[in-house]
mmCIF file of all heavy atoms, coordinates in Angstrom:
data_MODEL
# 
_entry.id   MODEL 
# 
loop_
_atom_site.group_PDB 
_atom_site.id 
_atom_site.type_symbol 
_atom_site.label_atom_id 
_atom_site.label_alt_id 
_atom_site.label_comp_id 
_atom_site.label_asym_id 
_atom_site.label_entity_id 
_atom_site.label_seq_id 
_atom_site.pdbx_PDB_ins_code 
_atom_site.Cartn_x 
_atom_site.Cartn_y 
_atom_site.Cartn_z 
_atom_site.occupancy 
_atom_site.B_iso_or_equiv 
_atom_site.pdbx_formal_charge 
_atom_site.auth_seq_id 
_atom_site.auth_comp_id 
_atom_site.auth_asym_id 
_atom_site.auth_atom_id 
_atom_site.pdbx_PDB_model_num 
ATOM 1   N N   . THR A 1 1  ? 3.680   -6.222  6.004   1.00 0.00 ? 1  THR A N   1 
ATOM 2   C CA  . THR A 1 1  ? 3.904   -5.729  4.651   1.00 0.00 ? 1  THR A CA  1 
ATOM 3   C C   . THR A 1 1  ? 2.609   -5.238  4.006   1.00 0.00 ? 1  THR A C   1 
ATOM 4   O O   . THR A 1 1  ? 2.612   -4.270  3.239   1.00 0.00 ? 1  THR A O   1 
ATOM 5   C CB  . THR A 1 1  ? 4.520   -6.837  3.780   1.00 0.00 ? 1  THR A CB  1 
ATOM 6   O OG1 . THR A 1 1  ? 5.790   -7.212  4.328   1.00 0.00 ? 1  THR A OG1 1 
ATOM 7   C CG2 . THR A 1 1  ? 4.722   -6.375  2.342   1.00 0.00 ? 1  THR A CG2 1 
ATOM 8   N N   . ILE A 1 2  ? 1.486   -5.867  4.340   1.00 0.00 ? 2  ILE A N   1 
ATOM 9   C CA  . ILE A 1 2  ? 0.228   -5.591  3.644   1.00 0.00 ? 2  ILE A CA  1 
ATOM 10  C C   . ILE A 1 2  ? -0.797  -4.853  4.507   1.00 0.00 ? 2  ILE A C   1 
ATOM 11  O O   . ILE A 1 2  ? -1.396  -3.857  4.067   1.00 0.00 ? 2  ILE A O   1 
ATOM 12  C CB  . ILE A 1 2  ? -0.411  -6.904  3.139   1.00 0.00 ? 2  ILE A CB  1 
ATOM 13  C CG1 . ILE A 1 2  ? 0.574   -7.687  2.278   1.00 0.00 ? 2  ILE A CG1 1 
ATOM 14  C CG2 . ILE A 1 2  ? -1.695  -6.605  2.381   1.00 0.00 ? 2  ILE A CG2 1 
ATOM 15  C CD1 . ILE A 1 2  ? 0.986   -7.006  1.014   1.00 0.00 ? 2  ILE A CD1 1 
ATOM 16  N N   . ILE A 1 3  ? -1.020  -5.312  5.743   1.00 0.00 ? 3  ILE A N   1 
ATOM 17  C CA  . ILE A 1 3  ? -2.188  -4.861  6.513   1.00 0.00 ? 3  ILE A CA  1 
ATOM 18  C C   . ILE A 1 3  ? -2.153  -3.371  6.866   1.00 0.00 ? 3  ILE A C   1 
ATOM 19  O O   . ILE A 1 3  ? -3.186  -2.699  6.743   1.00 0.00 ? 3  ILE A O   1 
ATOM 20  C CB  . ILE A 1 3  ? -2.370  -5.737  7.772   1.00 0.00 ? 3  ILE A CB  1 
ATOM 21  C CG1 . ILE A 1 3  ? -2.730  -7.161  7.340   1.00 0.00 ? 3  ILE A CG1 1 
ATOM 22  C CG2 . ILE A 1 3  ? -3.456  -5.171  8.674   1.00 0.00 ? 3  ILE A CG2 1 
ATOM 23  C CD1 . ILE A 1 3  ? -2.966  -8.124  8.483   1.00 0.00 ? 3  ILE A CD1 1 
ATOM 24  N N   . PRO A 1 4  ? -1.031  -2.776  7.318   1.00 0.00 ? 4  PRO A N   1 
ATOM 25  C CA  . PRO A 1 4  ? -1.063  -1.331  7.595   1.00 0.00 ? 4  PRO A CA  1 
ATOM 26  C C   . PRO A 1 4  ? -1.492  -0.490  6.394   1.00 0.00 ? 4  PRO A C   1 
ATOM 27  O O   . PRO A 1 4  ? -2.280  0.455   6.543   1.00 0.00 ? 4  PRO A O   1 
ATOM 28  C CB  . PRO A 1 4  ? 0.375   -1.028  8.022   1.00 0.00 ? 4  PRO A CB  1 
ATOM 29  C CG  . PRO A 1 4  ? 0.865   -2.311  8.600   1.00 0.00 ? 4  PRO A CG  1 
ATOM 30  C CD  . PRO A 1 4  ? 0.256   -3.375  7.744   1.00 0.00 ? 4  PRO A CD  1 
ATOM 31  N N   . MET A 1 5  ? -0.991  -0.839  5.198   1.00 0.00 ? 5  MET A N   1 
ATOM 32  C CA  . MET A 1 5  ? -1.421  -0.114  4.003   1.00 0.00 ? 5  MET A CA  1 
ATOM 33  C C   . MET A 1 5  ? -2.895  -0.380  3.715   1.00 0.00 ? 5  MET A C   1 
ATOM 34  O O   . MET A 1 5  ? -3.636  0.509   3.276   1.00 0.00 ? 5  MET A O   1 
ATOM 35  C CB  . MET A 1 5  ? -0.564  -0.498  2.807   1.00 0.00 ? 5  MET A CB  1 
ATOM 36  C CG  . MET A 1 5  ? -0.937  0.261   1.534   1.00 0.00 ? 5  MET A CG  1 
ATOM 37  S SD  . MET A 1 5  ? 0.084   -0.163  0.102   1.00 0.00 ? 5  MET A SD  1 
ATOM 38  C CE  . MET A 1 5  ? 1.654   0.547   0.580   1.00 0.00 ? 5  MET A CE  1 
ATOM 39  N N   . MET A 1 6  ? -3.344  -1.620  3.967   1.00 0.00 ? 6  MET A N   1 
ATOM 40  C CA  . MET A 1 6  ? -4.745  -1.944  3.775   1.00 0.00 ? 6  MET A CA  1 
ATOM 41  C C   . MET A 1 6  ? -5.643  -1.095  4.670   1.00 0.00 ? 6  MET A C   1 
ATOM 42  O O   . MET A 1 6  ? -6.687  -0.586  4.237   1.00 0.00 ? 6  MET A O   1 
ATOM 43  C CB  . MET A 1 6  ? -4.986  -3.437  4.066   1.00 0.00 ? 6  MET A CB  1 
ATOM 44  C CG  . MET A 1 6  ? -6.407  -3.911  3.750   1.00 0.00 ? 6  MET A CG  1 
ATOM 45  S SD  . MET A 1 6  ? -6.845  -5.442  4.618   1.00 0.00 ? 6  MET A SD  1 
ATOM 46  C CE  . MET A 1 6  ? -5.436  -6.474  4.285   1.00 0.00 ? 6  MET A CE  1 
ATOM 47  N N   . LEU A 1 7  ? -5.237  -0.912  5.918   1.00 0.00 ? 7  LEU A N   1 
ATOM 48  C CA  . LEU A 1 7  ? -6.004  -0.070  6.835   1.00 0.00 ? 7  LEU A CA  1 
ATOM 49  C C   . LEU A 1 7  ? -6.047  1.374   6.337   1.00 0.00 ? 7  LEU A C   1 
ATOM 50  O O   . LEU A 1 7  ? -7.077  2.050   6.443   1.00 0.00 ? 7  LEU A O   1 
ATOM 51  C CB  . LEU A 1 7  ? -5.391  -0.129  8.236   1.00 0.00 ? 7  LEU A CB  1 
ATOM 52  C CG  . LEU A 1 7  ? -5.464  -1.486  8.947   1.00 0.00 ? 7  LEU A CG  1 
ATOM 53  C CD1 . LEU A 1 7  ? -4.654  -1.464  10.238  1.00 0.00 ? 7  LEU A CD1 1 
ATOM 54  C CD2 . LEU A 1 7  ? -6.911  -1.866  9.237   1.00 0.00 ? 7  LEU A CD2 1 
ATOM 55  N N   . ASP A 1 8  ? -4.938  1.828   5.779   1.00 0.00 ? 8  ASP A N   1 
ATOM 56  C CA  . ASP A 1 8  ? -4.889  3.176   5.206   1.00 0.00 ? 8  ASP A CA  1 
ATOM 57  C C   . ASP A 1 8  ? -5.854  3.300   4.026   1.00 0.00 ? 8  ASP A C   1 
ATOM 58  O O   . ASP A 1 8  ? -6.544  4.312   3.862   1.00 0.00 ? 8  ASP A O   1 
ATOM 59  C CB  . ASP A 1 8  ? -3.460  3.482   4.759   1.00 0.00 ? 8  ASP A CB  1 
ATOM 60  C CG  . ASP A 1 8  ? -3.148  4.967   4.800   1.00 0.00 ? 8  ASP A CG  1 
ATOM 61  O OD1 . ASP A 1 8  ? -3.947  5.728   5.384   1.00 0.00 ? 8  ASP A OD1 1 
ATOM 62  O OD2 . ASP A 1 8  ? -2.110  5.374   4.261   1.00 0.00 ? 8  ASP A OD2 1 
ATOM 63  N N   . VAL A 1 9  ? -5.900  2.268   3.184   1.00 0.00 ? 9  VAL A N   1 
ATOM 64  C CA  . VAL A 1 9  ? -6.811  2.261   2.037   1.00 0.00 ? 9  VAL A CA  1 
ATOM 65  C C   . VAL A 1 9  ? -8.263  2.308   2.505   1.00 0.00 ? 9  VAL A C   1 
ATOM 66  O O   . VAL A 1 9  ? -9.098  3.012   1.928   1.00 0.00 ? 9  VAL A O   1 
ATOM 67  C CB  . VAL A 1 9  ? -6.563  1.011   1.160   1.00 0.00 ? 9  VAL A CB  1 
ATOM 68  C CG1 . VAL A 1 9  ? -7.636  0.890   0.080   1.00 0.00 ? 9  VAL A CG1 1 
ATOM 69  C CG2 . VAL A 1 9  ? -5.188  1.069   0.519   1.00 0.00 ? 9  VAL A CG2 1 
ATOM 70  N N   . ILE A 1 10 ? -8.575  1.566   3.571   1.00 0.00 ? 10 ILE A N   1 
ATOM 71  C CA  . ILE A 1 10 ? -9.946  1.535   4.080   1.00 0.00 ? 10 ILE A CA  1 
ATOM 72  C C   . ILE A 1 10 ? -10.360 2.913   4.585   1.00 0.00 ? 10 ILE A C   1 
ATOM 73  O O   . ILE A 1 10 ? -11.476 3.384   4.309   1.00 0.00 ? 10 ILE A O   1 
ATOM 74  C CB  . ILE A 1 10 ? -10.074 0.479   5.204   1.00 0.00 ? 10 ILE A CB  1 
ATOM 75  C CG1 . ILE A 1 10 ? -9.886  -0.928  4.632   1.00 0.00 ? 10 ILE A CG1 1 
ATOM 76  C CG2 . ILE A 1 10 ? -11.436 0.583   5.889   1.00 0.00 ? 10 ILE A CG2 1 
ATOM 77  C CD1 . ILE A 1 10 ? -9.807  -2.011  5.677   1.00 0.00 ? 10 ILE A CD1 1 
ATOM 78  N N   . VAL A 1 11 ? -9.475  3.580   5.316   1.00 0.00 ? 11 VAL A N   1 
ATOM 79  C CA  . VAL A 1 11 ? -9.805  4.889   5.892   1.00 0.00 ? 11 VAL A CA  1 
ATOM 80  C C   . VAL A 1 11 ? -9.933  5.946   4.802   1.00 0.00 ? 11 VAL A C   1 
ATOM 81  O O   . VAL A 1 11 ? -10.890 6.730   4.766   1.00 0.00 ? 11 VAL A O   1 
ATOM 82  C CB  . VAL A 1 11 ? -8.746  5.311   6.928   1.00 0.00 ? 11 VAL A CB  1 
ATOM 83  C CG1 . VAL A 1 11 ? -8.980  6.749   7.380   1.00 0.00 ? 11 VAL A CG1 1 
ATOM 84  C CG2 . VAL A 1 11 ? -8.792  4.375   8.131   1.00 0.00 ? 11 VAL A CG2 1 
ATOM 85  N N   . LEU A 1 12 ? -8.962  5.978   3.881   1.00 0.00 ? 12 LEU A N   1 
ATOM 86  C CA  . LEU A 1 12 ? -8.927  7.016   2.844   1.00 0.00 ? 12 LEU A CA  1 
ATOM 87  C C   . LEU A 1 12 ? -9.814  6.686   1.644   1.00 0.00 ? 12 LEU A C   1 
ATOM 88  O O   . LEU A 1 12 ? -10.044 7.544   0.798   1.00 0.00 ? 12 LEU A O   1 
ATOM 89  C CB  . LEU A 1 12 ? -7.488  7.232   2.368   1.00 0.00 ? 12 LEU A CB  1 
ATOM 90  C CG  . LEU A 1 12 ? -6.471  7.673   3.432   1.00 0.00 ? 12 LEU A CG  1 
ATOM 91  C CD1 . LEU A 1 12 ? -5.079  7.749   2.830   1.00 0.00 ? 12 LEU A CD1 1 
ATOM 92  C CD2 . LEU A 1 12 ? -6.869  9.005   4.047   1.00 0.00 ? 12 LEU A CD2 1 
ATOM 93  N N   . GLU A 1 13 ? -10.285 5.422   1.572   1.00 0.00 ? 13 GLU A N   1 
ATOM 94  C CA  . GLU A 1 13 ? -11.100 4.907   0.472   1.00 0.00 ? 13 GLU A CA  1 
ATOM 95  C C   . GLU A 1 13 ? -10.308 4.742   -0.820  1.00 0.00 ? 13 GLU A C   1 
ATOM 96  O O   . GLU A 1 13 ? -10.827 4.228   -1.805  1.00 0.00 ? 13 GLU A O   1 
ATOM 97  C CB  . GLU A 1 13 ? -12.347 5.772   0.238   1.00 0.00 ? 13 GLU A CB  1 
ATOM 98  C CG  . GLU A 1 13 ? -13.246 5.847   1.461   1.00 0.00 ? 13 GLU A CG  1 
ATOM 99  C CD  . GLU A 1 13 ? -14.554 6.558   1.175   1.00 0.00 ? 13 GLU A CD  1 
ATOM 100 O OE1 . GLU A 1 13 ? -14.765 6.975   0.021   1.00 0.00 ? 13 GLU A OE1 1 
ATOM 101 O OE2 . GLU A 1 13 ? -15.361 6.706   2.110   1.00 0.00 ? 13 GLU A OE2 1 
ATOM 102 N N   . GLU A 1 14 ? -9.072  5.165   -0.823  1.00 0.00 ? 14 GLU A N   1 
ATOM 103 C CA  . GLU A 1 14 ? -8.116  4.894   -1.885  1.00 0.00 ? 14 GLU A CA  1 
ATOM 104 C C   . GLU A 1 14 ? -6.740  5.328   -1.375  1.00 0.00 ? 14 GLU A C   1 
ATOM 105 O O   . GLU A 1 14 ? -6.634  6.087   -0.424  1.00 0.00 ? 14 GLU A O   1 
ATOM 106 C CB  . GLU A 1 14 ? -8.467  5.616   -3.189  1.00 0.00 ? 14 GLU A CB  1 
ATOM 107 C CG  . GLU A 1 14 ? -8.498  7.119   -3.073  1.00 0.00 ? 14 GLU A CG  1 
ATOM 108 C CD  . GLU A 1 14 ? -8.935  7.778   -4.367  1.00 0.00 ? 14 GLU A CD  1 
ATOM 109 O OE1 . GLU A 1 14 ? -9.702  7.160   -5.118  1.00 0.00 ? 14 GLU A OE1 1 
ATOM 110 O OE2 . GLU A 1 14 ? -8.495  8.911   -4.625  1.00 0.00 ? 14 GLU A OE2 1 
ATOM 111 N N   . LYS A 1 15 ? -5.708  4.825   -2.025  1.00 0.00 ? 15 LYS A N   1 
ATOM 112 C CA  . LYS A 1 15 ? -4.363  5.096   -1.529  1.00 0.00 ? 15 LYS A CA  1 
ATOM 113 C C   . LYS A 1 15 ? -3.405  5.230   -2.708  1.00 0.00 ? 15 LYS A C   1 
ATOM 114 O O   . LYS A 1 15 ? -3.350  4.362   -3.579  1.00 0.00 ? 15 LYS A O   1 
ATOM 115 C CB  . LYS A 1 15 ? -3.902  3.948   -0.618  1.00 0.00 ? 15 LYS A CB  1 
ATOM 116 C CG  . LYS A 1 15 ? -2.448  3.973   -0.215  1.00 0.00 ? 15 LYS A CG  1 
ATOM 117 C CD  . LYS A 1 15 ? -2.149  5.040   0.808   1.00 0.00 ? 15 LYS A CD  1 
ATOM 118 C CE  . LYS A 1 15 ? -0.703  4.931   1.293   1.00 0.00 ? 15 LYS A CE  1 
ATOM 119 N NZ  . LYS A 1 15 ? -0.358  5.977   2.265   1.00 0.00 ? 15 LYS A NZ  1 
ATOM 120 N N   . ARG A 1 16 ? -2.638  6.313   -2.734  1.00 0.00 ? 16 ARG A N   1 
ATOM 121 C CA  . ARG A 1 16 ? -1.616  6.493   -3.751  1.00 0.00 ? 16 ARG A CA  1 
ATOM 122 C C   . ARG A 1 16 ? -0.293  5.917   -3.249  1.00 0.00 ? 16 ARG A C   1 
ATOM 123 O O   . ARG A 1 16 ? 0.118   6.178   -2.129  1.00 0.00 ? 16 ARG A O   1 
ATOM 124 C CB  . ARG A 1 16 ? -1.452  7.971   -4.098  1.00 0.00 ? 16 ARG A CB  1 
ATOM 125 C CG  . ARG A 1 16 ? -2.683  8.578   -4.759  1.00 0.00 ? 16 ARG A CG  1 
ATOM 126 C CD  . ARG A 1 16 ? -2.421  9.973   -5.277  1.00 0.00 ? 16 ARG A CD  1 
ATOM 127 N NE  . ARG A 1 16 ? -3.610  10.499  -5.938  1.00 0.00 ? 16 ARG A NE  1 
ATOM 128 C CZ  . ARG A 1 16 ? -3.907  10.293  -7.213  1.00 0.00 ? 16 ARG A CZ  1 
ATOM 129 N NH1 . ARG A 1 16 ? -3.071  9.586   -7.966  1.00 0.00 ? 16 ARG A NH1 1 
ATOM 130 N NH2 . ARG A 1 16 ? -5.009  10.794  -7.747  1.00 0.00 ? 16 ARG A NH2 1 
ATOM 131 N N   . VAL A 1 17 ? 0.360   5.139   -4.106  1.00 0.00 ? 17 VAL A N   1 
ATOM 132 C CA  . VAL A 1 17 ? 1.642   4.539   -3.753  1.00 0.00 ? 17 VAL A CA  1 
ATOM 133 C C   . VAL A 1 17 ? 2.549   4.626   -4.969  1.00 0.00 ? 17 VAL A C   1 
ATOM 134 O O   . VAL A 1 17 ? 2.116   4.431   -6.111  1.00 0.00 ? 17 VAL A O   1 
ATOM 135 C CB  . VAL A 1 17 ? 1.460   3.069   -3.301  1.00 0.00 ? 17 VAL A CB  1 
ATOM 136 C CG1 . VAL A 1 17 ? 0.763   2.242   -4.368  1.00 0.00 ? 17 VAL A CG1 1 
ATOM 137 C CG2 . VAL A 1 17 ? 2.785   2.435   -2.916  1.00 0.00 ? 17 VAL A CG2 1 
ATOM 138 N N   . SER A 1 18 ? 3.802   4.963   -4.745  1.00 0.00 ? 18 SER A N   1 
ATOM 139 C CA  . SER A 1 18 ? 4.756   5.092   -5.848  1.00 0.00 ? 18 SER A CA  1 
ATOM 140 C C   . SER A 1 18 ? 5.012   3.731   -6.489  1.00 0.00 ? 18 SER A C   1 
ATOM 141 O O   . SER A 1 18 ? 4.786   2.676   -5.884  1.00 0.00 ? 18 SER A O   1 
ATOM 142 C CB  . SER A 1 18 ? 6.077   5.681   -5.338  1.00 0.00 ? 18 SER A CB  1 
ATOM 143 O OG  . SER A 1 18 ? 6.701   4.785   -4.437  1.00 0.00 ? 18 SER A OG  1 
ATOM 144 N N   . VAL A 1 19 ? 5.476   3.760   -7.727  1.00 0.00 ? 19 VAL A N   1 
ATOM 145 C CA  . VAL A 1 19 ? 5.780   2.513   -8.434  1.00 0.00 ? 19 VAL A CA  1 
ATOM 146 C C   . VAL A 1 19 ? 6.849   1.728   -7.682  1.00 0.00 ? 19 VAL A C   1 
ATOM 147 O O   . VAL A 1 19 ? 6.740   0.507   -7.521  1.00 0.00 ? 19 VAL A O   1 
ATOM 148 C CB  . VAL A 1 19 ? 6.239   2.811   -9.876  1.00 0.00 ? 19 VAL A CB  1 
ATOM 149 C CG1 . VAL A 1 19 ? 6.731   1.534   -10.553 1.00 0.00 ? 19 VAL A CG1 1 
ATOM 150 C CG2 . VAL A 1 19 ? 5.098   3.418   -10.681 1.00 0.00 ? 19 VAL A CG2 1 
ATOM 151 N N   . SER A 1 20 ? 7.886   2.423   -7.205  1.00 0.00 ? 20 SER A N   1 
ATOM 152 C CA  . SER A 1 20 ? 8.945   1.728   -6.467  1.00 0.00 ? 20 SER A CA  1 
ATOM 153 C C   . SER A 1 20 ? 8.412   1.142   -5.161  1.00 0.00 ? 20 SER A C   1 
ATOM 154 O O   . SER A 1 20 ? 8.760   0.019   -4.791  1.00 0.00 ? 20 SER A O   1 
ATOM 155 C CB  . SER A 1 20 ? 10.102  2.692   -6.182  1.00 0.00 ? 20 SER A CB  1 
ATOM 156 O OG  . SER A 1 20 ? 9.655   3.818   -5.437  1.00 0.00 ? 20 SER A OG  1 
ATOM 157 N N   . GLY A 1 21 ? 7.539   1.893   -4.470  1.00 0.00 ? 21 GLY A N   1 
ATOM 158 C CA  . GLY A 1 21 ? 6.944   1.380   -3.239  1.00 0.00 ? 21 GLY A CA  1 
ATOM 159 C C   . GLY A 1 21 ? 6.077   0.169   -3.498  1.00 0.00 ? 21 GLY A C   1 
ATOM 160 O O   . GLY A 1 21 ? 6.051   -0.785  -2.709  1.00 0.00 ? 21 GLY A O   1 
ATOM 161 N N   . CYS A 1 22 ? 5.384   0.184   -4.633  1.00 0.00 ? 22 CYS A N   1 
ATOM 162 C CA  . CYS A 1 22 ? 4.542   -0.947  -5.007  1.00 0.00 ? 22 CYS A CA  1 
ATOM 163 C C   . CYS A 1 22 ? 5.398   -2.190  -5.270  1.00 0.00 ? 22 CYS A C   1 
ATOM 164 O O   . CYS A 1 22 ? 5.054   -3.296  -4.855  1.00 0.00 ? 22 CYS A O   1 
ATOM 165 C CB  . CYS A 1 22 ? 3.724   -0.578  -6.246  1.00 0.00 ? 22 CYS A CB  1 
ATOM 166 S SG  . CYS A 1 22 ? 2.387   -1.706  -6.638  1.00 0.00 ? 22 CYS A SG  1 
ATOM 167 N N   . MET A 1 23 ? 6.516   -2.004  -5.954  1.00 0.00 ? 23 MET A N   1 
ATOM 168 C CA  . MET A 1 23 ? 7.394   -3.132  -6.273  1.00 0.00 ? 23 MET A CA  1 
ATOM 169 C C   . MET A 1 23 ? 8.044   -3.705  -5.003  1.00 0.00 ? 23 MET A C   1 
ATOM 170 O O   . MET A 1 23 ? 8.206   -4.917  -4.877  1.00 0.00 ? 23 MET A O   1 
ATOM 171 C CB  . MET A 1 23 ? 8.478   -2.700  -7.256  1.00 0.00 ? 23 MET A CB  1 
ATOM 172 C CG  . MET A 1 23 ? 7.930   -2.268  -8.613  1.00 0.00 ? 23 MET A CG  1 
ATOM 173 S SD  . MET A 1 23 ? 6.916   -3.551  -9.378  1.00 0.00 ? 23 MET A SD  1 
ATOM 174 C CE  . MET A 1 23 ? 6.084   -2.621  -10.666 1.00 0.00 ? 23 MET A CE  1 
ATOM 175 N N   . VAL A 1 24 ? 8.387   -2.839  -4.075  1.00 0.00 ? 24 VAL A N   1 
ATOM 176 C CA  . VAL A 1 24 ? 8.964   -3.316  -2.812  1.00 0.00 ? 24 VAL A CA  1 
ATOM 177 C C   . VAL A 1 24 ? 7.938   -4.142  -2.055  1.00 0.00 ? 24 VAL A C   1 
ATOM 178 O O   . VAL A 1 24 ? 8.256   -5.209  -1.502  1.00 0.00 ? 24 VAL A O   1 
ATOM 179 C CB  . VAL A 1 24 ? 9.447   -2.126  -1.956  1.00 0.00 ? 24 VAL A CB  1 
ATOM 180 C CG1 . VAL A 1 24 ? 9.784   -2.579  -0.543  1.00 0.00 ? 24 VAL A CG1 1 
ATOM 181 C CG2 . VAL A 1 24 ? 10.657  -1.463  -2.599  1.00 0.00 ? 24 VAL A CG2 1 
ATOM 182 N N   . GLN A 1 25 ? 6.696   -3.679  -2.018  1.00 0.00 ? 25 GLN A N   1 
ATOM 183 C CA  . GLN A 1 25 ? 5.650   -4.427  -1.324  1.00 0.00 ? 25 GLN A CA  1 
ATOM 184 C C   . GLN A 1 25 ? 5.425   -5.790  -1.976  1.00 0.00 ? 25 GLN A C   1 
ATOM 185 O O   . GLN A 1 25 ? 5.299   -6.813  -1.284  1.00 0.00 ? 25 GLN A O   1 
ATOM 186 C CB  . GLN A 1 25 ? 4.341   -3.647  -1.307  1.00 0.00 ? 25 GLN A CB  1 
ATOM 187 C CG  . GLN A 1 25 ? 3.255   -4.322  -0.483  1.00 0.00 ? 25 GLN A CG  1 
ATOM 188 C CD  . GLN A 1 25 ? 1.921   -3.624  -0.581  1.00 0.00 ? 25 GLN A CD  1 
ATOM 189 O OE1 . GLN A 1 25 ? 1.410   -3.388  -1.656  1.00 0.00 ? 25 GLN A OE1 1 
ATOM 190 N NE2 . GLN A 1 25 ? 1.345   -3.271  0.571   1.00 0.00 ? 25 GLN A NE2 1 
ATOM 191 N N   . LEU A 1 26 ? 5.377   -5.817  -3.309  1.00 0.00 ? 26 LEU A N   1 
ATOM 192 C CA  . LEU A 1 26 ? 5.188   -7.084  -4.014  1.00 0.00 ? 26 LEU A CA  1 
ATOM 193 C C   . LEU A 1 26 ? 6.348   -8.029  -3.764  1.00 0.00 ? 26 LEU A C   1 
ATOM 194 O O   . LEU A 1 26 ? 6.147   -9.232  -3.548  1.00 0.00 ? 26 LEU A O   1 
ATOM 195 C CB  . LEU A 1 26 ? 5.043   -6.817  -5.512  1.00 0.00 ? 26 LEU A CB  1 
ATOM 196 C CG  . LEU A 1 26 ? 4.812   -8.046  -6.399  1.00 0.00 ? 26 LEU A CG  1 
ATOM 197 C CD1 . LEU A 1 26 ? 3.508   -8.745  -6.032  1.00 0.00 ? 26 LEU A CD1 1 
ATOM 198 C CD2 . LEU A 1 26 ? 4.805   -7.644  -7.872  1.00 0.00 ? 26 LEU A CD2 1 
ATOM 199 N N   . TYR A 1 27 ? 7.564   -7.495  -3.746  1.00 0.00 ? 27 TYR A N   1 
ATOM 200 C CA  . TYR A 1 27 ? 8.761   -8.315  -3.490  1.00 0.00 ? 27 TYR A CA  1 
ATOM 201 C C   . TYR A 1 27 ? 8.701   -8.947  -2.104  1.00 0.00 ? 27 TYR A C   1 
ATOM 202 O O   . TYR A 1 27 ? 8.931   -10.157 -1.940  1.00 0.00 ? 27 TYR A O   1 
ATOM 203 C CB  . TYR A 1 27 ? 10.000  -7.436  -3.626  1.00 0.00 ? 27 TYR A CB  1 
ATOM 204 C CG  . TYR A 1 27 ? 11.289  -8.119  -3.248  1.00 0.00 ? 27 TYR A CG  1 
ATOM 205 C CD1 . TYR A 1 27 ? 11.872  -9.046  -4.100  1.00 0.00 ? 27 TYR A CD1 1 
ATOM 206 C CD2 . TYR A 1 27 ? 11.922  -7.840  -2.049  1.00 0.00 ? 27 TYR A CD2 1 
ATOM 207 C CE1 . TYR A 1 27 ? 13.051  -9.679  -3.768  1.00 0.00 ? 27 TYR A CE1 1 
ATOM 208 C CE2 . TYR A 1 27 ? 13.105  -8.472  -1.702  1.00 0.00 ? 27 TYR A CE2 1 
ATOM 209 C CZ  . TYR A 1 27 ? 13.663  -9.389  -2.565  1.00 0.00 ? 27 TYR A CZ  1 
ATOM 210 O OH  . TYR A 1 27 ? 14.827  -10.023 -2.222  1.00 0.00 ? 27 TYR A OH  1 
ATOM 211 N N   . LEU A 1 28 ? 8.368   -8.143  -1.089  1.00 0.00 ? 28 LEU A N   1 
ATOM 212 C CA  . LEU A 1 28 ? 8.299   -8.659  0.280   1.00 0.00 ? 28 LEU A CA  1 
ATOM 213 C C   . LEU A 1 28 ? 7.154   -9.655  0.439   1.00 0.00 ? 28 LEU A C   1 
ATOM 214 O O   . LEU A 1 28 ? 7.280   -10.650 1.159   1.00 0.00 ? 28 LEU A O   1 
ATOM 215 C CB  . LEU A 1 28 ? 8.147   -7.499  1.262   1.00 0.00 ? 28 LEU A CB  1 
ATOM 216 C CG  . LEU A 1 28 ? 9.331   -6.535  1.347   1.00 0.00 ? 28 LEU A CG  1 
ATOM 217 C CD1 . LEU A 1 28 ? 9.016   -5.393  2.309   1.00 0.00 ? 28 LEU A CD1 1 
ATOM 218 C CD2 . LEU A 1 28 ? 10.604  -7.253  1.773   1.00 0.00 ? 28 LEU A CD2 1 
# 
């Protein structure tokens, strides 16, 4: 739920995520 997006953030130095996508991640 967390680490793949974290790796994306590290590579891109920032990451855009939709509000709904953010809520789904927090829920999981």
